[in-house]
Amino acid sequence: MKQKANKLNNTNMKYLIFTISLLLISSCAKETGCTDKDATNYSSTAEKDCNCCKYEGQYVFWYGKTTADWLVNNNITSLTYYVDGQIVGSQKASLYWTGAPNCGQSASVTVNKILGSAKNKSYFFQVKDQDDVVIWEGTTDYEANVCSKLELVL
C-alpha cells in the first residue's frame, strides 16, 4: 500500500514540476513589438523589439511678406506644391506668414510622408505658379516624428 502511495506522489510531483516549469517559461516570455517612441506603431508594453517599426515625417512650406510681395508684383496669383511629382497642396500667392507655421496649421501647406521602416528619407519638391512655371524646387529630408519647416525665399 505504501508503494502505491509513493508512486502516486511521484507522479503528482512530476506533474506539479512540469506545470510550474511551463508557467515560469511562459511568464518569462517578453512581449514583442516596436520599442521606438518615434514610430507610428510604438508599443509601450513591448519589451523586445520586433524590427517592425514604421515611421512618418512632416514638412510645412511657407514664405514671408517680402516673397509674397515679389510673387504678386510679378503677376503670380497661385502656387501649386508637388512632392515626388504628386500635388500636395495649393494656395494664393498673396498668402504669407509672419513666422513659420506649425505642421497642420490652418491654411498651411503641410506634407505628411510615410517613411516605412526608414527613420529619414529624401523627397524632391517643386512649387509652380498658375502657368506651370517652376518657382522653387529642391530636396527635403523628412525625419521620423518631426515637423520640419522650409521657408521659401527668392
N, C-alpha and C. Protein backbone atom coordinates (compact mmCIF):
# COMPACT_ATOMS: atom_id res chain seq x y z
N MET A 1 0.81 -1.18 0.00
CA MET A 1 0.00 0.00 0.00
C MET A 1 0.86 1.26 0.00
N LYS A 2 1.98 1.22 0.76
CA LYS A 2 2.88 2.36 0.79
C LYS A 2 3.50 2.61 -0.56
N GLN A 3 3.84 1.56 -1.30
CA GLN A 3 4.44 1.71 -2.61
C GLN A 3 3.49 2.42 -3.56
N LYS A 4 2.21 2.07 -3.52
CA LYS A 4 1.22 2.70 -4.38
C LYS A 4 1.09 4.20 -4.05
N ALA A 5 1.12 4.56 -2.80
CA ALA A 5 1.05 5.96 -2.37
C ALA A 5 2.28 6.71 -2.86
N ASN A 6 3.45 6.12 -2.74
CA ASN A 6 4.68 6.75 -3.23
C ASN A 6 4.64 6.95 -4.73
N LYS A 7 4.10 5.94 -5.44
CA LYS A 7 4.01 6.04 -6.89
C LYS A 7 3.08 7.19 -7.28
N LEU A 8 1.96 7.34 -6.60
CA LEU A 8 1.06 8.45 -6.88
C LEU A 8 1.72 9.78 -6.55
N ASN A 9 2.43 9.83 -5.45
CA ASN A 9 3.11 11.05 -5.06
C ASN A 9 4.18 11.42 -6.08
N ASN A 10 4.93 10.45 -6.58
CA ASN A 10 5.95 10.70 -7.59
C ASN A 10 5.31 11.22 -8.88
N THR A 11 4.20 10.60 -9.28
CA THR A 11 3.50 11.05 -10.49
C THR A 11 2.97 12.46 -10.32
N ASN A 12 2.34 12.68 -9.17
CA ASN A 12 1.81 14.02 -8.89
C ASN A 12 2.93 15.06 -8.82
N MET A 13 4.04 14.67 -8.24
CA MET A 13 5.18 15.57 -8.10
C MET A 13 5.74 15.93 -9.48
N LYS A 14 5.88 14.95 -10.36
CA LYS A 14 6.37 15.21 -11.72
C LYS A 14 5.42 16.14 -12.45
N TYR A 15 4.12 15.90 -12.31
CA TYR A 15 3.12 16.75 -12.96
C TYR A 15 3.21 18.18 -12.42
N LEU A 16 3.37 18.30 -11.12
CA LEU A 16 3.46 19.61 -10.49
C LEU A 16 4.71 20.35 -10.96
N ILE A 17 5.82 19.69 -11.04
CA ILE A 17 7.07 20.30 -11.51
C ILE A 17 6.93 20.72 -12.97
N PHE A 18 6.33 19.86 -13.76
CA PHE A 18 6.11 20.17 -15.17
C PHE A 18 5.23 21.42 -15.34
N THR A 19 4.15 21.48 -14.57
CA THR A 19 3.22 22.60 -14.64
C THR A 19 3.91 23.89 -14.20
N ILE A 20 4.65 23.85 -13.13
CA ILE A 20 5.37 25.03 -12.64
C ILE A 20 6.39 25.49 -13.67
N SER A 21 7.09 24.55 -14.30
CA SER A 21 8.09 24.89 -15.32
C SER A 21 7.43 25.61 -16.50
N LEU A 22 6.28 25.09 -16.94
CA LEU A 22 5.57 25.74 -18.04
C LEU A 22 5.14 27.15 -17.68
N LEU A 23 4.65 27.32 -16.47
CA LEU A 23 4.22 28.64 -16.02
C LEU A 23 5.39 29.62 -15.97
N LEU A 24 6.52 29.15 -15.48
CA LEU A 24 7.71 30.00 -15.40
C LEU A 24 8.20 30.40 -16.79
N ILE A 25 8.22 29.45 -17.70
CA ILE A 25 8.68 29.73 -19.05
C ILE A 25 7.76 30.72 -19.74
N SER A 26 6.46 30.50 -19.63
CA SER A 26 5.51 31.40 -20.32
C SER A 26 5.49 32.77 -19.67
N SER A 27 5.69 32.88 -18.38
CA SER A 27 5.68 34.18 -17.73
C SER A 27 6.97 34.95 -18.01
N CYS A 28 8.03 34.27 -18.42
CA CYS A 28 9.29 34.92 -18.74
C CYS A 28 9.34 35.39 -20.18
N ALA A 29 8.43 34.96 -21.01
CA ALA A 29 8.42 35.37 -22.42
C ALA A 29 8.14 36.87 -22.49
N LYS A 30 8.98 37.59 -23.24
CA LYS A 30 8.82 39.03 -23.38
C LYS A 30 7.88 39.34 -24.52
N GLU A 31 7.04 40.37 -24.29
CA GLU A 31 6.14 40.80 -25.36
C GLU A 31 6.96 41.47 -26.45
N THR A 32 6.71 41.09 -27.69
CA THR A 32 7.44 41.63 -28.83
C THR A 32 6.61 42.72 -29.49
N GLY A 33 7.26 43.79 -29.92
CA GLY A 33 6.59 44.90 -30.60
C GLY A 33 7.59 45.97 -30.94
N CYS A 34 7.12 47.10 -31.44
CA CYS A 34 8.00 48.21 -31.78
C CYS A 34 8.32 49.01 -30.52
N THR A 35 9.60 49.14 -30.20
CA THR A 35 10.01 49.81 -28.97
C THR A 35 10.54 51.22 -29.20
N ASP A 36 10.47 51.71 -30.44
CA ASP A 36 10.97 53.06 -30.76
C ASP A 36 9.83 54.07 -30.63
N LYS A 37 9.98 55.02 -29.71
CA LYS A 37 8.93 56.01 -29.44
C LYS A 37 8.67 56.93 -30.63
N ASP A 38 9.59 57.01 -31.58
CA ASP A 38 9.38 57.84 -32.77
C ASP A 38 8.52 57.15 -33.83
N ALA A 39 8.24 55.89 -33.65
CA ALA A 39 7.48 55.12 -34.64
C ALA A 39 5.98 55.32 -34.46
N THR A 40 5.24 55.17 -35.56
CA THR A 40 3.78 55.31 -35.51
C THR A 40 3.15 54.10 -34.85
N ASN A 41 3.84 52.97 -34.86
CA ASN A 41 3.30 51.74 -34.26
C ASN A 41 4.03 51.37 -32.96
N TYR A 42 4.51 52.38 -32.24
CA TYR A 42 5.19 52.17 -30.95
C TYR A 42 4.28 51.45 -29.97
N SER A 43 4.83 50.47 -29.27
CA SER A 43 4.08 49.74 -28.25
C SER A 43 4.73 49.96 -26.90
N SER A 44 4.02 50.61 -25.99
CA SER A 44 4.57 50.91 -24.67
C SER A 44 4.73 49.65 -23.82
N THR A 45 4.06 48.57 -24.19
CA THR A 45 4.14 47.33 -23.42
C THR A 45 5.19 46.36 -23.96
N ALA A 46 5.73 46.64 -25.14
CA ALA A 46 6.72 45.74 -25.73
C ALA A 46 8.03 45.82 -24.97
N GLU A 47 8.60 44.65 -24.73
CA GLU A 47 9.89 44.56 -24.04
C GLU A 47 11.00 44.13 -24.99
N LYS A 48 10.61 43.56 -26.11
CA LYS A 48 11.58 43.08 -27.10
C LYS A 48 11.19 43.67 -28.45
N ASP A 49 12.16 44.30 -29.15
CA ASP A 49 11.86 44.93 -30.43
C ASP A 49 11.63 43.89 -31.52
N CYS A 50 10.67 44.18 -32.37
CA CYS A 50 10.26 43.26 -33.43
C CYS A 50 10.89 43.57 -34.78
N ASN A 51 11.66 44.66 -34.87
CA ASN A 51 12.19 45.15 -36.15
C ASN A 51 11.04 45.41 -37.13
N CYS A 52 9.92 45.90 -36.63
CA CYS A 52 8.73 46.14 -37.45
C CYS A 52 8.25 47.59 -37.34
N CYS A 53 9.10 48.48 -36.82
CA CYS A 53 8.69 49.87 -36.60
C CYS A 53 8.42 50.57 -37.94
N LYS A 54 7.40 51.44 -37.94
CA LYS A 54 7.01 52.22 -39.10
C LYS A 54 7.07 53.71 -38.73
N TYR A 55 7.50 54.53 -39.69
CA TYR A 55 7.74 55.94 -39.41
C TYR A 55 7.02 56.86 -40.39
N GLU A 56 6.75 58.09 -39.92
CA GLU A 56 6.19 59.16 -40.74
C GLU A 56 6.93 60.44 -40.40
N GLY A 57 6.98 61.34 -41.38
CA GLY A 57 7.58 62.66 -41.17
C GLY A 57 6.70 63.72 -41.81
N GLN A 58 6.91 64.99 -41.43
CA GLN A 58 6.10 66.08 -41.96
C GLN A 58 7.00 67.24 -42.37
N TYR A 59 6.53 67.97 -43.37
CA TYR A 59 7.16 69.23 -43.79
C TYR A 59 6.08 70.26 -43.98
N VAL A 60 6.36 71.48 -43.55
CA VAL A 60 5.46 72.59 -43.83
C VAL A 60 6.26 73.60 -44.66
N PHE A 61 5.68 74.03 -45.78
CA PHE A 61 6.30 75.01 -46.67
C PHE A 61 5.67 76.37 -46.38
N TRP A 62 6.48 77.42 -46.37
CA TRP A 62 5.95 78.74 -46.07
C TRP A 62 6.86 79.82 -46.63
N TYR A 63 6.33 81.04 -46.70
CA TYR A 63 7.13 82.21 -47.08
C TYR A 63 6.54 83.44 -46.41
N GLY A 64 7.39 84.47 -46.33
CA GLY A 64 7.01 85.71 -45.66
C GLY A 64 6.48 86.77 -46.61
N LYS A 65 6.26 87.95 -46.07
CA LYS A 65 5.66 89.07 -46.81
C LYS A 65 6.51 89.51 -47.99
N THR A 66 7.81 89.59 -47.83
CA THR A 66 8.68 90.04 -48.93
C THR A 66 8.54 89.12 -50.14
N THR A 67 8.51 87.82 -49.91
CA THR A 67 8.33 86.86 -51.00
C THR A 67 6.94 86.98 -51.61
N ALA A 68 5.92 87.12 -50.77
CA ALA A 68 4.54 87.28 -51.27
C ALA A 68 4.43 88.53 -52.14
N ASP A 69 5.03 89.62 -51.70
CA ASP A 69 5.00 90.86 -52.49
C ASP A 69 5.67 90.65 -53.85
N TRP A 70 6.81 89.97 -53.87
CA TRP A 70 7.51 89.70 -55.13
C TRP A 70 6.61 88.87 -56.06
N LEU A 71 5.99 87.83 -55.52
CA LEU A 71 5.11 86.98 -56.33
C LEU A 71 3.98 87.79 -56.94
N VAL A 72 3.29 88.57 -56.12
CA VAL A 72 2.15 89.38 -56.58
C VAL A 72 2.62 90.42 -57.60
N ASN A 73 3.75 91.08 -57.35
CA ASN A 73 4.28 92.09 -58.28
C ASN A 73 4.71 91.49 -59.61
N ASN A 74 4.91 90.19 -59.65
CA ASN A 74 5.29 89.50 -60.89
C ASN A 74 4.12 88.71 -61.47
N ASN A 75 2.91 89.14 -61.11
CA ASN A 75 1.67 88.58 -61.65
C ASN A 75 1.48 87.09 -61.37
N ILE A 76 2.03 86.63 -60.28
CA ILE A 76 1.81 85.24 -59.86
C ILE A 76 0.65 85.28 -58.88
N THR A 77 -0.41 84.55 -59.20
CA THR A 77 -1.62 84.60 -58.39
C THR A 77 -1.82 83.37 -57.51
N SER A 78 -1.29 82.22 -57.98
CA SER A 78 -1.48 81.00 -57.19
C SER A 78 -0.26 80.09 -57.34
N LEU A 79 -0.11 79.23 -56.35
CA LEU A 79 1.01 78.28 -56.33
C LEU A 79 0.48 76.88 -56.09
N THR A 80 1.11 75.92 -56.74
CA THR A 80 0.78 74.51 -56.54
C THR A 80 2.06 73.81 -56.09
N TYR A 81 1.94 73.00 -55.04
CA TYR A 81 3.07 72.31 -54.44
C TYR A 81 3.06 70.83 -54.85
N TYR A 82 4.23 70.33 -55.19
CA TYR A 82 4.40 68.93 -55.61
C TYR A 82 5.51 68.29 -54.79
N VAL A 83 5.30 67.05 -54.39
CA VAL A 83 6.36 66.26 -53.77
C VAL A 83 6.40 64.93 -54.51
N ASP A 84 7.57 64.63 -55.05
CA ASP A 84 7.76 63.45 -55.90
C ASP A 84 6.72 63.37 -57.01
N GLY A 85 6.43 64.53 -57.63
CA GLY A 85 5.53 64.58 -58.77
C GLY A 85 4.05 64.58 -58.44
N GLN A 86 3.70 64.46 -57.17
CA GLN A 86 2.29 64.43 -56.74
C GLN A 86 1.89 65.79 -56.17
N ILE A 87 0.72 66.28 -56.56
CA ILE A 87 0.23 67.54 -55.98
C ILE A 87 -0.09 67.30 -54.51
N VAL A 88 0.47 68.17 -53.65
CA VAL A 88 0.24 68.02 -52.21
C VAL A 88 -0.44 69.23 -51.59
N GLY A 89 -0.63 70.29 -52.39
CA GLY A 89 -1.31 71.47 -51.86
C GLY A 89 -1.25 72.62 -52.84
N SER A 90 -2.05 73.64 -52.56
CA SER A 90 -2.05 74.86 -53.36
C SER A 90 -2.51 76.01 -52.48
N GLN A 91 -2.20 77.24 -52.94
CA GLN A 91 -2.61 78.42 -52.18
C GLN A 91 -2.49 79.66 -53.05
N LYS A 92 -3.12 80.73 -52.61
CA LYS A 92 -2.97 82.03 -53.27
C LYS A 92 -1.56 82.53 -53.00
N ALA A 93 -0.97 83.15 -53.99
CA ALA A 93 0.40 83.66 -53.85
C ALA A 93 0.47 84.79 -52.83
N SER A 94 -0.62 85.50 -52.63
CA SER A 94 -0.63 86.63 -51.69
C SER A 94 -0.65 86.19 -50.22
N LEU A 95 -0.92 84.91 -49.97
CA LEU A 95 -0.95 84.41 -48.59
C LEU A 95 0.48 84.25 -48.07
N TYR A 96 0.77 84.85 -46.92
CA TYR A 96 2.12 84.73 -46.35
C TYR A 96 2.03 84.58 -44.84
N TRP A 97 3.18 84.27 -44.25
CA TRP A 97 3.27 84.05 -42.80
C TRP A 97 4.26 85.05 -42.21
N THR A 98 4.01 85.49 -40.98
CA THR A 98 4.95 86.38 -40.30
C THR A 98 6.01 85.57 -39.56
N GLY A 99 5.82 84.29 -39.48
CA GLY A 99 6.77 83.35 -38.89
C GLY A 99 6.36 81.96 -39.32
N ALA A 100 7.23 81.01 -39.14
CA ALA A 100 6.96 79.64 -39.60
C ALA A 100 5.71 79.07 -38.94
N PRO A 101 4.77 78.58 -39.75
CA PRO A 101 3.58 77.93 -39.17
C PRO A 101 3.93 76.54 -38.64
N ASN A 102 3.07 76.02 -37.81
CA ASN A 102 3.21 74.65 -37.33
C ASN A 102 2.68 73.69 -38.39
N CYS A 103 3.19 72.48 -38.39
CA CYS A 103 2.67 71.46 -39.30
C CYS A 103 1.18 71.26 -39.02
N GLY A 104 0.40 71.25 -40.08
CA GLY A 104 -1.04 71.03 -39.96
C GLY A 104 -1.83 72.28 -39.61
N GLN A 105 -1.14 73.40 -39.42
CA GLN A 105 -1.84 74.64 -39.07
C GLN A 105 -2.75 75.05 -40.22
N SER A 106 -3.89 75.59 -39.89
CA SER A 106 -4.86 76.02 -40.88
C SER A 106 -4.21 76.90 -41.94
N ALA A 107 -4.52 76.64 -43.21
CA ALA A 107 -4.04 77.37 -44.38
C ALA A 107 -2.57 77.11 -44.71
N SER A 108 -1.91 76.25 -43.96
CA SER A 108 -0.51 75.92 -44.30
C SER A 108 -0.48 74.78 -45.31
N VAL A 109 0.63 74.69 -46.02
CA VAL A 109 0.84 73.55 -46.91
C VAL A 109 1.75 72.59 -46.16
N THR A 110 1.13 71.59 -45.55
CA THR A 110 1.85 70.59 -44.77
C THR A 110 1.78 69.26 -45.51
N VAL A 111 2.93 68.61 -45.62
CA VAL A 111 3.01 67.34 -46.33
C VAL A 111 3.43 66.25 -45.35
N ASN A 112 2.61 65.22 -45.24
CA ASN A 112 2.92 64.04 -44.42
C ASN A 112 3.45 62.96 -45.36
N LYS A 113 4.56 62.36 -45.00
CA LYS A 113 5.11 61.27 -45.81
C LYS A 113 5.31 60.04 -44.93
N ILE A 114 4.89 58.90 -45.45
CA ILE A 114 5.13 57.62 -44.79
C ILE A 114 6.54 57.19 -45.18
N LEU A 115 7.38 56.98 -44.18
CA LEU A 115 8.78 56.65 -44.43
C LEU A 115 9.05 55.16 -44.40
N GLY A 116 8.03 54.37 -44.08
CA GLY A 116 8.21 52.92 -43.97
C GLY A 116 9.08 52.60 -42.78
N SER A 117 10.06 51.74 -42.97
CA SER A 117 10.93 51.35 -41.86
C SER A 117 12.15 52.26 -41.73
N ALA A 118 12.26 53.28 -42.60
CA ALA A 118 13.39 54.22 -42.54
C ALA A 118 13.05 55.37 -41.58
N LYS A 119 14.05 55.81 -40.82
CA LYS A 119 13.83 56.92 -39.89
C LYS A 119 13.96 58.27 -40.58
N ASN A 120 14.51 58.29 -41.79
CA ASN A 120 14.55 59.52 -42.58
C ASN A 120 14.60 59.15 -44.06
N LYS A 121 14.10 60.08 -44.87
CA LYS A 121 14.01 59.82 -46.30
C LYS A 121 13.94 61.16 -47.02
N SER A 122 14.56 61.24 -48.20
CA SER A 122 14.57 62.46 -49.00
C SER A 122 13.53 62.39 -50.11
N TYR A 123 12.89 63.54 -50.38
CA TYR A 123 11.90 63.65 -51.44
C TYR A 123 12.16 64.93 -52.23
N PHE A 124 11.92 64.87 -53.52
CA PHE A 124 12.06 66.02 -54.42
C PHE A 124 10.76 66.83 -54.38
N PHE A 125 10.88 68.16 -54.31
CA PHE A 125 9.69 69.01 -54.32
C PHE A 125 9.81 70.08 -55.40
N GLN A 126 8.66 70.56 -55.84
CA GLN A 126 8.57 71.70 -56.75
C GLN A 126 7.37 72.55 -56.33
N VAL A 127 7.51 73.85 -56.57
CA VAL A 127 6.39 74.77 -56.39
C VAL A 127 6.25 75.50 -57.72
N LYS A 128 5.05 75.41 -58.31
CA LYS A 128 4.80 76.01 -59.63
C LYS A 128 3.71 77.06 -59.53
N ASP A 129 3.82 78.06 -60.42
CA ASP A 129 2.78 79.08 -60.45
C ASP A 129 1.61 78.63 -61.32
N GLN A 130 0.62 79.53 -61.48
CA GLN A 130 -0.59 79.20 -62.23
C GLN A 130 -0.33 78.85 -63.69
N ASP A 131 0.84 79.24 -64.22
CA ASP A 131 1.19 78.93 -65.62
C ASP A 131 2.11 77.72 -65.72
N ASP A 132 2.24 76.99 -64.63
CA ASP A 132 3.06 75.78 -64.56
C ASP A 132 4.57 76.06 -64.63
N VAL A 133 4.96 77.29 -64.28
CA VAL A 133 6.37 77.68 -64.23
C VAL A 133 6.91 77.33 -62.85
N VAL A 134 8.05 76.65 -62.81
CA VAL A 134 8.67 76.27 -61.54
C VAL A 134 9.28 77.51 -60.88
N ILE A 135 8.82 77.80 -59.67
CA ILE A 135 9.34 78.93 -58.89
C ILE A 135 10.42 78.43 -57.93
N TRP A 136 10.18 77.30 -57.27
CA TRP A 136 11.14 76.68 -56.36
C TRP A 136 11.19 75.19 -56.64
N GLU A 137 12.35 74.60 -56.39
CA GLU A 137 12.48 73.14 -56.41
C GLU A 137 13.70 72.76 -55.59
N GLY A 138 13.69 71.54 -55.11
CA GLY A 138 14.80 71.06 -54.30
C GLY A 138 14.47 69.73 -53.65
N THR A 139 15.22 69.42 -52.62
CA THR A 139 15.05 68.17 -51.90
C THR A 139 14.77 68.46 -50.44
N THR A 140 13.82 67.74 -49.89
CA THR A 140 13.51 67.86 -48.46
C THR A 140 13.83 66.52 -47.80
N ASP A 141 14.39 66.60 -46.61
CA ASP A 141 14.74 65.40 -45.84
C ASP A 141 13.75 65.25 -44.70
N TYR A 142 12.86 64.28 -44.84
CA TYR A 142 11.84 64.01 -43.82
C TYR A 142 12.46 63.13 -42.73
N GLU A 143 12.18 63.47 -41.48
CA GLU A 143 12.67 62.70 -40.33
C GLU A 143 11.49 62.16 -39.53
N ALA A 144 11.69 60.99 -38.97
CA ALA A 144 10.64 60.32 -38.20
C ALA A 144 10.14 61.20 -37.07
N ASN A 145 8.82 61.36 -37.01
CA ASN A 145 8.15 62.05 -35.91
C ASN A 145 8.62 63.50 -35.74
N VAL A 146 9.00 64.16 -36.86
CA VAL A 146 9.48 65.53 -36.80
C VAL A 146 8.67 66.39 -37.76
N CYS A 147 8.32 67.59 -37.31
CA CYS A 147 7.71 68.60 -38.17
C CYS A 147 8.82 69.53 -38.63
N SER A 148 9.27 69.35 -39.87
CA SER A 148 10.31 70.22 -40.43
C SER A 148 9.66 71.38 -41.14
N LYS A 149 10.36 72.51 -41.21
CA LYS A 149 9.80 73.72 -41.80
C LYS A 149 10.76 74.26 -42.85
N LEU A 150 10.23 74.60 -44.03
CA LEU A 150 11.05 75.13 -45.11
C LEU A 150 10.51 76.48 -45.55
N GLU A 151 11.30 77.52 -45.31
CA GLU A 151 10.91 78.84 -45.78
C GLU A 151 11.36 78.99 -47.24
N LEU A 152 10.41 79.35 -48.08
CA LEU A 152 10.69 79.56 -49.50
C LEU A 152 11.01 81.06 -49.68
N VAL A 153 12.20 81.35 -50.17
CA VAL A 153 12.62 82.73 -50.38
C VAL A 153 13.09 82.92 -51.81
N LEU A 154 13.04 84.16 -52.27
CA LEU A 154 13.51 84.49 -53.62
C LEU A 154 14.73 85.35 -53.55
